[in-house]
Protein backbone atom coordinates (compact mmCIF):
# COMPACT_ATOMS: atom_id res chain seq x y z
CA MET A 1 -8.78 3.16 -12.02
CA THR A 2 -7.16 4.71 -9.31
CA MET A 3 -7.25 3.75 -6.06
CA THR A 4 -7.64 6.69 -3.28
CA ILE A 5 -5.50 7.33 -0.45
CA ASN A 6 -7.21 6.14 1.99
CA GLU A 7 -7.22 3.25 0.17
CA LEU A 8 -3.65 2.44 -0.53
CA GLN A 9 -2.93 3.51 3.22
CA ASP A 10 -5.55 0.67 4.08
CA GLU A 11 -3.44 -1.68 1.90
CA VAL A 12 -0.02 -0.25 3.94
CA ILE A 13 -1.49 -1.27 7.18
CA ALA A 14 -3.05 -4.06 6.15
CA GLU A 15 0.51 -5.66 4.86
CA PHE A 16 2.30 -4.26 8.26
CA SER A 17 -0.38 -6.28 10.31
CA ASP A 18 0.99 -9.68 8.92
CA PHE A 19 4.04 -9.00 10.84
CA ASP A 20 3.46 -9.21 14.69
CA ASP A 21 7.29 -8.45 15.04
CA TRP A 22 9.08 -5.43 14.99
CA MET A 23 11.79 -6.48 13.23
CA ASP A 24 9.88 -7.86 10.08
CA ARG A 25 8.27 -4.45 10.08
CA TYR A 26 11.70 -2.72 9.53
CA GLN A 27 12.85 -5.70 7.37
CA LEU A 28 9.96 -4.80 5.27
CA LEU A 29 10.42 -1.18 5.32
CA ILE A 30 13.94 -2.02 4.25
CA ASP A 31 12.87 -4.34 1.27
CA LEU A 32 10.28 -1.53 0.48
CA GLY A 33 13.06 1.30 -0.03
CA ASN A 34 15.31 -1.15 -2.30
CA GLU A 35 12.31 -2.16 -4.62
CA GLN A 36 11.92 1.85 -5.09
CA ALA A 37 14.03 2.35 -8.75
CA PRO A 38 16.83 4.49 -8.02
CA LEU A 39 16.24 8.48 -7.85
CA ASP A 40 18.19 10.37 -11.36
CA GLU A 41 21.43 11.60 -10.28
CA ALA A 42 19.69 14.92 -11.60
CA TYR A 43 17.71 15.50 -8.79
CA LYS A 44 19.89 14.37 -6.53
CA THR A 45 20.23 18.53 -5.30
CA ASP A 46 20.88 20.66 -2.63
CA SER A 47 17.46 22.31 -3.31
CA ASN A 48 15.73 18.70 -3.52
CA LEU A 49 16.83 18.02 -0.24
CA ILE A 50 14.76 17.76 2.60
CA GLU A 51 15.41 19.86 5.83
CA GLY A 52 14.98 18.07 8.92
CA CYS A 53 16.37 15.73 7.88
CA GLN A 54 18.60 13.62 9.29
CA SER A 55 19.62 11.40 6.50
CA ARG A 56 19.92 12.91 3.02
CA VAL A 57 16.46 12.68 1.03
CA TRP A 58 15.91 13.76 -2.21
CA LEU A 59 11.58 14.72 -3.07
CA GLN A 60 11.37 15.59 -6.50
CA ALA A 61 7.82 16.55 -7.37
CA ASP A 62 6.43 16.74 -11.00
CA LEU A 63 3.14 17.75 -12.18
CA ILE A 64 1.75 14.67 -14.73
CA ASP A 65 -2.01 15.14 -16.26
CA GLY A 66 -2.92 17.41 -12.87
CA LYS A 67 -1.67 14.99 -10.66
CA VAL A 68 1.93 15.49 -8.61
CA HIS A 69 3.91 12.45 -9.12
CA PHE A 70 6.41 12.15 -6.77
CA GLN A 71 10.25 10.55 -6.23
CA ALA A 72 12.99 9.92 -3.99
CA GLU A 73 15.46 8.53 -2.58
CA SER A 74 17.67 8.18 0.80
CA ASP A 75 21.11 7.11 2.04
CA ALA A 76 19.64 5.67 4.73
CA LEU A 77 17.80 1.51 3.85
CA ILE A 78 14.59 2.35 6.30
CA VAL A 79 13.98 5.76 6.33
CA LYS A 80 13.90 5.02 1.96
CA GLY A 81 11.65 2.53 2.88
CA ILE A 82 9.28 5.14 4.65
CA VAL A 83 9.91 7.57 1.81
CA ALA A 84 8.69 4.38 -0.69
CA LEU A 85 5.46 4.64 1.86
CA LEU A 86 4.37 7.95 1.21
CA ILE A 87 5.35 7.61 -2.25
CA ARG A 88 2.98 4.74 -2.54
CA VAL A 89 0.34 6.09 -0.99
CA VAL A 90 0.20 9.74 -2.07
CA SER A 91 1.86 10.35 -5.33
CA ASP A 92 0.14 10.96 -8.21
CA HIS A 93 -3.08 12.52 -6.71
CA THR A 94 -4.26 15.97 -7.51
CA PRO A 95 -2.74 18.56 -5.30
CA ASP A 96 -6.09 18.79 -3.20
CA GLU A 97 -6.24 15.52 -2.62
CA ILE A 98 -2.88 15.78 -1.40
CA LEU A 99 -3.68 18.15 0.46
CA ASN A 100 -7.06 16.55 2.17
CA ALA A 101 -5.24 13.76 2.87
CA ASP A 102 -5.19 12.37 7.18
CA LEU A 103 -2.89 10.22 6.67
CA TYR A 104 -3.66 8.01 9.39
CA PHE A 105 -1.22 5.17 7.82
CA ILE A 106 1.75 6.51 9.92
CA ASP A 107 0.06 5.99 13.45
CA ARG A 108 -2.23 2.66 12.11
CA ILE A 109 1.19 1.17 11.43
CA GLY A 110 3.12 2.31 15.05
CA LEU A 111 5.65 3.99 12.37
CA LYS A 112 5.83 7.10 14.90
CA GLU A 113 5.80 5.17 18.06
CA HIS A 114 9.17 2.84 16.34
CA LEU A 115 11.16 5.85 15.06
CA SER A 116 13.78 7.81 16.92
CA PRO A 117 12.96 11.32 17.74
CA THR A 118 15.34 12.29 14.84
CA ARG A 119 13.76 10.03 12.13
CA SER A 120 10.24 10.68 12.83
CA ASN A 121 11.06 14.35 12.33
CA GLY A 122 12.40 13.33 9.12
CA LEU A 123 9.43 11.92 8.53
CA LEU A 124 7.10 15.36 9.41
CA ALA A 125 9.77 16.98 7.22
CA MET A 126 8.05 14.58 4.55
CA VAL A 127 5.30 15.32 4.76
CA LYS A 128 5.41 18.07 5.61
CA GLN A 129 7.47 19.08 1.78
CA MET A 130 5.25 17.03 -0.93
CA ARG A 131 2.13 18.91 0.74
CA MET A 132 4.07 22.38 0.13
CA TYR A 133 4.87 21.12 -3.39
CA ALA A 134 1.34 20.50 -3.72
CA LEU A 135 -0.01 24.02 -2.34
CA ALA A 136 2.47 25.22 -5.33
CA PHE A 137 1.34 23.02 -7.71
CA LYS A 138 -2.51 24.18 -7.02
CA ALA A 139 -1.43 27.95 -6.24
CA MET A 140 0.33 27.28 -10.50
CA ASN A 141 -2.72 26.54 -11.71
CA SER A 142 -5.87 28.08 -10.42
């Protein structure tokens, strides 16, 4: 049984709440980013680069059996971890589920307030891009 986006968010929140110290949370983010499978070089194209990110972030989206499958990579450690979290929460759900999701985990784990403004904008840009893909896939299939 696949977990819902909210169940996945709650799981992430629980993991982060194990650490009180932000240095430990950053380390968790870096570990998550490092555990992620590297993105195929073929996907590291300019069209996959996310606008509005200070570091380079590539996001590849594919519709597989009605669900949006995301893969991504960044050349910055923390950002790579943030992308890994986003993918864990929203990847492999339907376009509708992604479009209707309230991504409350970002605030709940204190991500926004502990990121620099440029990283915070980058995070919003990533979320926006994921929703854009979901919207495009939904339009293609309706």
